[in-house]
Amino acid sequence: MSGDRPTVAPEPRRNPDGTLTIPTDDAGEVRFACPPWCRYEHPYRTSRTKAEIAHKSEPQWALTAPTAFGEVGVGPVHISQHPYDPTGSAVLVVVETDTEEFAVGPADARRFAVAFRNLADLIDQAADQVEAIRAGEGQ
């Protein structure tokens, strides 16, 4: 295998109707459909519980303008759904952060502020999508 190519998980084996069947430790084989907004591969084979089956949207990032550190990402934000989660909080907005610190001057600080405003817009858009999904649209 060539060392210059990334390792890619194999495409999940889909049923003829487009659904997926995932073997789980607690519920046997679970057959499910992915919502149209799901961009998450479902490569699990086994050792999963039914509650762990998840759908995730494409992650979105807010980026600053170029700084002394290059273009800096803030985020990501994505929608996550665990359709078999027993707690009932099946569709959520996920905002991820890291703990990296940047010491910047006023111009770069303002670029970060713009990126955070853009991230806030992404979070609002994701919240709108979650409300629509919970209302039955785009399932």
N, C-alpha and C. Protein backbone atom coordinates (compact mmCIF):
# COMPACT_ATOMS: atom_id res chain seq x y z
N MET A 1 0.85 -1.18 0.00
CA MET A 1 0.00 0.00 0.00
C MET A 1 0.89 1.23 0.00
N SER A 2 0.52 2.19 -0.79
CA SER A 2 1.32 3.40 -0.92
C SER A 2 1.25 4.24 0.34
N GLY A 3 2.41 4.74 0.78
CA GLY A 3 2.47 5.55 1.99
C GLY A 3 1.96 6.97 1.78
N ASP A 4 1.74 7.38 0.52
CA ASP A 4 1.30 8.75 0.28
C ASP A 4 -0.21 8.89 0.18
N ARG A 5 -0.94 7.79 0.37
CA ARG A 5 -2.40 7.84 0.33
C ARG A 5 -2.97 7.66 1.72
N PRO A 6 -3.99 8.46 2.06
CA PRO A 6 -4.59 8.28 3.38
C PRO A 6 -5.36 6.97 3.45
N THR A 7 -5.48 6.43 4.65
CA THR A 7 -6.29 5.24 4.86
C THR A 7 -7.75 5.67 4.90
N VAL A 8 -8.57 5.04 4.10
CA VAL A 8 -9.98 5.41 4.01
C VAL A 8 -10.81 4.20 4.42
N ALA A 9 -11.79 4.44 5.27
CA ALA A 9 -12.68 3.35 5.68
C ALA A 9 -13.49 2.90 4.48
N PRO A 10 -13.74 1.61 4.37
CA PRO A 10 -14.53 1.14 3.23
C PRO A 10 -15.95 1.69 3.29
N GLU A 11 -16.52 1.88 2.13
CA GLU A 11 -17.91 2.34 2.05
C GLU A 11 -18.80 1.32 2.75
N PRO A 12 -19.73 1.78 3.60
CA PRO A 12 -20.60 0.82 4.28
C PRO A 12 -21.45 0.05 3.27
N ARG A 13 -21.72 -1.20 3.58
CA ARG A 13 -22.53 -2.03 2.71
C ARG A 13 -24.00 -1.67 2.93
N ARG A 14 -24.59 -1.10 1.90
CA ARG A 14 -25.99 -0.66 2.00
C ARG A 14 -26.92 -1.76 1.52
N ASN A 15 -28.12 -1.78 2.10
CA ASN A 15 -29.17 -2.68 1.66
C ASN A 15 -29.73 -2.16 0.34
N PRO A 16 -30.43 -2.99 -0.43
CA PRO A 16 -30.97 -2.54 -1.71
C PRO A 16 -31.86 -1.30 -1.61
N ASP A 17 -32.52 -1.10 -0.47
CA ASP A 17 -33.39 0.08 -0.32
C ASP A 17 -32.63 1.31 0.21
N GLY A 18 -31.29 1.20 0.33
CA GLY A 18 -30.49 2.33 0.78
C GLY A 18 -30.27 2.40 2.28
N THR A 19 -30.94 1.57 3.04
CA THR A 19 -30.75 1.56 4.49
C THR A 19 -29.44 0.86 4.84
N LEU A 20 -29.04 0.98 6.08
CA LEU A 20 -27.86 0.29 6.59
C LEU A 20 -28.28 -0.70 7.66
N THR A 21 -27.56 -1.79 7.77
CA THR A 21 -27.77 -2.74 8.86
C THR A 21 -26.46 -2.84 9.63
N ILE A 22 -26.52 -2.52 10.91
CA ILE A 22 -25.35 -2.51 11.77
C ILE A 22 -25.53 -3.57 12.86
N PRO A 23 -24.59 -4.50 13.01
CA PRO A 23 -24.69 -5.44 14.13
C PRO A 23 -24.31 -4.75 15.43
N THR A 24 -25.12 -4.94 16.45
CA THR A 24 -24.84 -4.36 17.76
C THR A 24 -24.76 -5.47 18.80
N ASP A 25 -24.08 -5.18 19.88
CA ASP A 25 -23.92 -6.17 20.95
C ASP A 25 -25.21 -6.37 21.74
N ASP A 26 -26.02 -5.30 21.84
CA ASP A 26 -27.19 -5.39 22.72
C ASP A 26 -28.51 -5.63 22.00
N ALA A 27 -28.59 -5.33 20.70
CA ALA A 27 -29.88 -5.46 20.01
C ALA A 27 -29.78 -6.26 18.72
N GLY A 28 -28.67 -6.92 18.51
CA GLY A 28 -28.51 -7.68 17.27
C GLY A 28 -28.35 -6.73 16.09
N GLU A 29 -28.85 -7.14 14.93
CA GLU A 29 -28.74 -6.30 13.74
C GLU A 29 -29.81 -5.22 13.75
N VAL A 30 -29.38 -3.97 13.59
CA VAL A 30 -30.30 -2.83 13.58
C VAL A 30 -30.28 -2.24 12.17
N ARG A 31 -31.44 -2.13 11.56
CA ARG A 31 -31.58 -1.57 10.21
C ARG A 31 -32.11 -0.16 10.34
N PHE A 32 -31.46 0.80 9.66
CA PHE A 32 -31.88 2.19 9.77
C PHE A 32 -31.55 2.94 8.49
N ALA A 33 -32.24 4.07 8.31
CA ALA A 33 -31.99 4.97 7.18
C ALA A 33 -31.26 6.21 7.68
N CYS A 34 -30.41 6.76 6.85
CA CYS A 34 -29.72 8.00 7.20
C CYS A 34 -30.53 9.19 6.70
N PRO A 35 -30.66 10.23 7.53
CA PRO A 35 -31.33 11.43 7.05
C PRO A 35 -30.49 12.11 5.96
N PRO A 36 -31.09 12.90 5.10
CA PRO A 36 -30.35 13.49 3.98
C PRO A 36 -29.21 14.41 4.40
N TRP A 37 -29.27 14.98 5.58
CA TRP A 37 -28.21 15.88 6.03
C TRP A 37 -27.01 15.14 6.62
N CYS A 38 -27.13 13.83 6.81
CA CYS A 38 -26.05 13.05 7.42
C CYS A 38 -24.91 12.87 6.43
N ARG A 39 -23.72 13.25 6.85
CA ARG A 39 -22.52 13.09 6.03
C ARG A 39 -21.50 12.21 6.74
N TYR A 40 -21.95 11.46 7.73
CA TYR A 40 -21.09 10.64 8.57
C TYR A 40 -21.08 9.22 8.04
N GLU A 41 -19.91 8.69 7.85
CA GLU A 41 -19.83 7.29 7.45
C GLU A 41 -20.21 6.42 8.65
N HIS A 42 -20.85 5.33 8.40
CA HIS A 42 -21.26 4.40 9.45
C HIS A 42 -20.44 3.12 9.30
N PRO A 43 -19.13 3.21 9.59
CA PRO A 43 -18.28 2.05 9.33
C PRO A 43 -18.24 1.02 10.44
N TYR A 44 -19.01 1.22 11.52
CA TYR A 44 -18.87 0.27 12.60
C TYR A 44 -19.30 -1.12 12.16
N ARG A 45 -18.63 -2.08 12.70
CA ARG A 45 -18.94 -3.46 12.35
C ARG A 45 -19.65 -4.17 13.49
N THR A 46 -19.13 -4.03 14.70
CA THR A 46 -19.74 -4.65 15.87
C THR A 46 -19.18 -3.94 17.11
N SER A 47 -19.45 -4.46 18.28
CA SER A 47 -19.03 -3.86 19.55
C SER A 47 -19.66 -2.49 19.74
N ARG A 48 -20.82 -2.28 19.19
CA ARG A 48 -21.55 -1.04 19.37
C ARG A 48 -22.89 -1.37 20.02
N THR A 49 -23.37 -0.43 20.79
CA THR A 49 -24.72 -0.60 21.30
C THR A 49 -25.66 0.14 20.37
N LYS A 50 -26.92 -0.20 20.42
CA LYS A 50 -27.91 0.45 19.57
C LYS A 50 -27.94 1.95 19.84
N ALA A 51 -27.80 2.34 21.10
CA ALA A 51 -27.84 3.77 21.46
C ALA A 51 -26.66 4.55 20.88
N GLU A 52 -25.57 3.88 20.52
CA GLU A 52 -24.40 4.56 19.97
C GLU A 52 -24.52 4.88 18.48
N ILE A 53 -25.50 4.33 17.81
CA ILE A 53 -25.67 4.63 16.38
C ILE A 53 -25.93 6.12 16.25
N ALA A 54 -25.17 6.77 15.37
CA ALA A 54 -25.24 8.23 15.27
C ALA A 54 -25.26 8.69 13.83
N HIS A 55 -25.88 9.84 13.62
CA HIS A 55 -25.82 10.57 12.36
C HIS A 55 -25.17 11.91 12.65
N LYS A 56 -24.30 12.38 11.75
CA LYS A 56 -23.65 13.68 11.94
C LYS A 56 -23.67 14.44 10.63
N SER A 57 -23.90 15.73 10.74
CA SER A 57 -23.83 16.58 9.55
C SER A 57 -22.37 16.92 9.27
N GLU A 58 -22.15 17.53 8.15
CA GLU A 58 -20.82 18.00 7.79
C GLU A 58 -20.39 19.05 8.81
N PRO A 59 -19.18 18.97 9.34
CA PRO A 59 -18.73 20.01 10.28
C PRO A 59 -18.51 21.32 9.54
N GLN A 60 -18.82 22.41 10.21
CA GLN A 60 -18.61 23.74 9.64
C GLN A 60 -17.69 24.52 10.56
N TRP A 61 -16.83 25.31 9.96
CA TRP A 61 -15.82 26.07 10.69
C TRP A 61 -15.98 27.55 10.37
N ALA A 62 -15.67 28.39 11.33
CA ALA A 62 -15.52 29.81 11.08
C ALA A 62 -14.01 30.07 11.04
N LEU A 63 -13.54 30.79 10.05
CA LEU A 63 -12.12 31.04 9.90
C LEU A 63 -11.82 32.52 10.05
N THR A 64 -10.70 32.83 10.69
CA THR A 64 -10.24 34.21 10.75
C THR A 64 -9.56 34.54 9.44
N ALA A 65 -9.40 35.80 9.18
CA ALA A 65 -8.56 36.22 8.07
C ALA A 65 -7.14 35.82 8.41
N PRO A 66 -6.24 35.77 7.44
CA PRO A 66 -4.87 35.35 7.76
C PRO A 66 -4.26 36.21 8.87
N THR A 67 -3.62 35.54 9.81
CA THR A 67 -2.94 36.20 10.91
C THR A 67 -1.47 35.81 10.84
N ALA A 68 -0.71 36.21 11.81
CA ALA A 68 0.69 35.79 11.88
C ALA A 68 0.78 34.27 12.01
N PHE A 69 -0.31 33.62 12.44
CA PHE A 69 -0.34 32.17 12.62
C PHE A 69 -0.92 31.46 11.40
N GLY A 70 -1.28 32.21 10.38
CA GLY A 70 -2.00 31.65 9.25
C GLY A 70 -3.49 31.77 9.51
N GLU A 71 -4.29 31.08 8.71
CA GLU A 71 -5.73 31.13 8.88
C GLU A 71 -6.09 30.23 10.06
N VAL A 72 -6.83 30.75 11.01
CA VAL A 72 -7.12 30.03 12.24
C VAL A 72 -8.60 29.64 12.26
N GLY A 73 -8.88 28.37 12.55
CA GLY A 73 -10.25 27.90 12.60
C GLY A 73 -10.86 28.03 13.98
N VAL A 74 -12.14 28.32 14.00
CA VAL A 74 -12.91 28.35 15.23
C VAL A 74 -14.07 27.39 15.02
N GLY A 75 -14.23 26.44 15.90
CA GLY A 75 -15.29 25.46 15.72
C GLY A 75 -14.69 24.07 15.82
N PRO A 76 -15.26 23.06 15.23
CA PRO A 76 -16.37 23.06 14.30
C PRO A 76 -17.74 22.98 14.99
N VAL A 77 -18.75 23.19 14.18
CA VAL A 77 -20.14 23.07 14.59
C VAL A 77 -20.77 22.02 13.69
N HIS A 78 -21.52 21.09 14.26
CA HIS A 78 -22.25 20.14 13.44
C HIS A 78 -23.51 19.68 14.18
N ILE A 79 -24.40 19.06 13.43
CA ILE A 79 -25.61 18.47 14.01
C ILE A 79 -25.31 17.00 14.27
N SER A 80 -25.76 16.50 15.40
CA SER A 80 -25.57 15.10 15.75
C SER A 80 -26.91 14.53 16.18
N GLN A 81 -27.20 13.33 15.70
CA GLN A 81 -28.43 12.66 16.09
C GLN A 81 -28.12 11.22 16.49
N HIS A 82 -28.63 10.83 17.63
CA HIS A 82 -28.56 9.44 18.09
C HIS A 82 -30.00 8.93 18.13
N PRO A 83 -30.47 8.35 17.03
CA PRO A 83 -31.90 8.02 16.95
C PRO A 83 -32.39 7.03 17.98
N TYR A 84 -31.50 6.26 18.59
CA TYR A 84 -31.93 5.26 19.57
C TYR A 84 -31.48 5.62 20.99
N ASP A 85 -31.14 6.88 21.22
CA ASP A 85 -30.71 7.35 22.53
C ASP A 85 -31.88 7.31 23.50
N PRO A 86 -31.76 6.57 24.60
CA PRO A 86 -32.89 6.45 25.53
C PRO A 86 -33.19 7.72 26.32
N THR A 87 -32.29 8.72 26.30
CA THR A 87 -32.53 9.94 27.08
C THR A 87 -33.49 10.89 26.38
N GLY A 88 -33.74 10.67 25.08
CA GLY A 88 -34.68 11.53 24.37
C GLY A 88 -34.05 12.76 23.75
N SER A 89 -32.79 13.04 24.01
CA SER A 89 -32.14 14.21 23.40
C SER A 89 -31.44 13.78 22.13
N ALA A 90 -32.22 13.33 21.16
CA ALA A 90 -31.66 12.65 20.00
C ALA A 90 -31.01 13.59 18.98
N VAL A 91 -31.47 14.82 18.82
CA VAL A 91 -30.92 15.73 17.81
C VAL A 91 -30.35 16.94 18.53
N LEU A 92 -29.06 17.17 18.35
CA LEU A 92 -28.37 18.23 19.07
C LEU A 92 -27.46 19.03 18.16
N VAL A 93 -27.16 20.25 18.55
CA VAL A 93 -26.10 21.04 17.92
C VAL A 93 -24.84 20.81 18.73
N VAL A 94 -23.75 20.45 18.07
CA VAL A 94 -22.48 20.19 18.75
C VAL A 94 -21.50 21.29 18.37
N VAL A 95 -20.95 21.97 19.36
CA VAL A 95 -19.94 22.99 19.14
C VAL A 95 -18.66 22.50 19.80
N GLU A 96 -17.62 22.32 19.00
CA GLU A 96 -16.36 21.84 19.53
C GLU A 96 -15.36 22.99 19.62
N THR A 97 -14.54 22.95 20.64
CA THR A 97 -13.49 23.94 20.80
C THR A 97 -12.21 23.23 21.18
N ASP A 98 -11.11 23.94 21.08
CA ASP A 98 -9.87 23.38 21.57
C ASP A 98 -9.28 24.35 22.58
N THR A 99 -8.16 24.01 23.11
CA THR A 99 -7.58 24.83 24.18
C THR A 99 -6.36 25.61 23.72
N GLU A 100 -6.18 25.71 22.42
CA GLU A 100 -5.02 26.43 21.90
C GLU A 100 -5.16 27.93 22.17
N GLU A 101 -4.05 28.58 22.51
CA GLU A 101 -4.06 30.01 22.80
C GLU A 101 -3.29 30.76 21.72
N PHE A 102 -3.76 31.95 21.38
CA PHE A 102 -3.08 32.82 20.42
C PHE A 102 -2.94 34.19 21.05
N ALA A 103 -1.72 34.69 21.10
CA ALA A 103 -1.47 36.06 21.56
C ALA A 103 -1.42 36.93 20.32
N VAL A 104 -2.38 37.83 20.18
CA VAL A 104 -2.51 38.62 18.95
C VAL A 104 -2.63 40.10 19.26
N GLY A 105 -2.34 40.90 18.27
CA GLY A 105 -2.52 42.34 18.38
C GLY A 105 -3.95 42.72 18.06
N PRO A 106 -4.26 44.03 18.08
CA PRO A 106 -5.63 44.48 17.88
C PRO A 106 -6.24 44.05 16.54
N ALA A 107 -5.48 44.10 15.45
CA ALA A 107 -6.04 43.74 14.14
C ALA A 107 -6.44 42.27 14.11
N ASP A 108 -5.55 41.39 14.62
CA ASP A 108 -5.89 39.98 14.65
C ASP A 108 -6.99 39.68 15.66
N ALA A 109 -7.04 40.43 16.75
CA ALA A 109 -8.13 40.26 17.73
C ALA A 109 -9.46 40.56 17.06
N ARG A 110 -9.50 41.58 16.22
CA ARG A 110 -10.74 41.91 15.50
C ARG A 110 -11.09 40.81 14.49
N ARG A 111 -10.08 40.21 13.88
CA ARG A 111 -10.35 39.08 12.96
C ARG A 111 -10.96 37.90 13.73
N PHE A 112 -10.45 37.65 14.92
CA PHE A 112 -11.05 36.61 15.75
C PHE A 112 -12.50 36.95 16.10
N ALA A 113 -12.76 38.22 16.41
CA ALA A 113 -14.13 38.63 16.75
C ALA A 113 -15.07 38.36 15.57
N VAL A 114 -14.61 38.66 14.35
CA VAL A 114 -15.42 38.38 13.16
C VAL A 114 -15.66 36.87 13.04
N ALA A 115 -14.62 36.08 13.27
CA ALA A 115 -14.77 34.62 13.18
C ALA A 115 -15.77 34.11 14.21
N PHE A 116 -15.73 34.66 15.43
CA PHE A 116 -16.69 34.24 16.45
C PHE A 116 -18.11 34.65 16.07
N ARG A 117 -18.27 35.82 15.46
CA ARG A 117 -19.62 36.20 14.98
C ARG A 117 -20.09 35.24 13.90
N ASN A 118 -19.18 34.87 12.99
CA ASN A 118 -19.54 33.91 11.95
C ASN A 118 -19.89 32.56 12.57
N LEU A 119 -19.14 32.16 13.59
CA LEU A 119 -19.43 30.91 14.28
C LEU A 119 -20.81 30.98 14.95
N ALA A 120 -21.12 32.12 15.54
CA ALA A 120 -22.44 32.28 16.16
C ALA A 120 -23.53 32.12 15.10
N ASP A 121 -23.30 32.66 13.89
CA ASP A 121 -24.27 32.48 12.80
C ASP A 121 -24.40 31.00 12.44
N LEU A 122 -23.27 30.27 12.40
CA LEU A 122 -23.32 28.85 12.10
C LEU A 122 -24.10 28.09 13.18
N ILE A 123 -23.89 28.47 14.43
CA ILE A 123 -24.61 27.81 15.52
C ILE A 123 -26.11 28.09 15.40
N ASP A 124 -26.49 29.33 15.08
CA ASP A 124 -27.90 29.66 14.87
C ASP A 124 -28.49 28.85 13.72
N GLN A 125 -27.74 28.72 12.62
CA GLN A 125 -28.23 27.95 11.48
C GLN A 125 -28.39 26.47 11.85
N ALA A 126 -27.43 25.94 12.60
CA ALA A 126 -27.54 24.54 13.04
C ALA A 126 -28.75 24.36 13.95
N ALA A 127 -29.00 25.33 14.84
CA ALA A 127 -30.17 25.26 15.72
C ALA A 127 -31.45 25.27 14.90
N ASP A 128 -31.50 26.10 13.86
CA ASP A 128 -32.67 26.13 12.96
C ASP A 128 -32.87 24.77 12.31
N GLN A 129 -31.76 24.15 11.85
CA GLN A 129 -31.86 22.84 11.22
C GLN A 129 -32.36 21.78 12.21
N VAL A 130 -31.88 21.83 13.45
CA VAL A 130 -32.33 20.87 14.45
C VAL A 130 -33.82 21.04 14.71
N GLU A 131 -34.28 22.29 14.83
CA GLU A 131 -35.72 22.52 15.01
C GLU A 131 -36.53 21.95 13.86
N ALA A 132 -36.05 22.12 12.62
CA ALA A 132 -36.75 21.59 11.45
C ALA A 132 -36.75 20.06 11.48
N ILE A 133 -35.61 19.46 11.86
CA ILE A 133 -35.54 17.99 11.93
C ILE A 133 -36.50 17.48 13.00
N ARG A 134 -36.51 18.13 14.16
CA ARG A 134 -37.43 17.70 15.23
C ARG A 134 -38.88 17.86 14.82
N ALA A 135 -39.15 18.82 13.94
CA ALA A 135 -40.52 19.04 13.46
C ALA A 135 -40.89 18.06 12.35
N GLY A 136 -39.93 17.21 11.94
CA GLY A 136 -40.23 16.20 10.95
C GLY A 136 -39.80 16.54 9.55
N GLU A 137 -39.15 17.69 9.34
CA GLU A 137 -38.68 18.05 8.01
C GLU A 137 -37.30 17.46 7.80
N GLY A 138 -37.01 17.00 6.60
CA GLY A 138 -35.68 16.52 6.26
C GLY A 138 -35.28 15.23 6.95
N GLN A 139 -36.24 14.43 7.35
CA GLN A 139 -35.92 13.16 8.03
C GLN A 139 -35.50 12.12 7.02
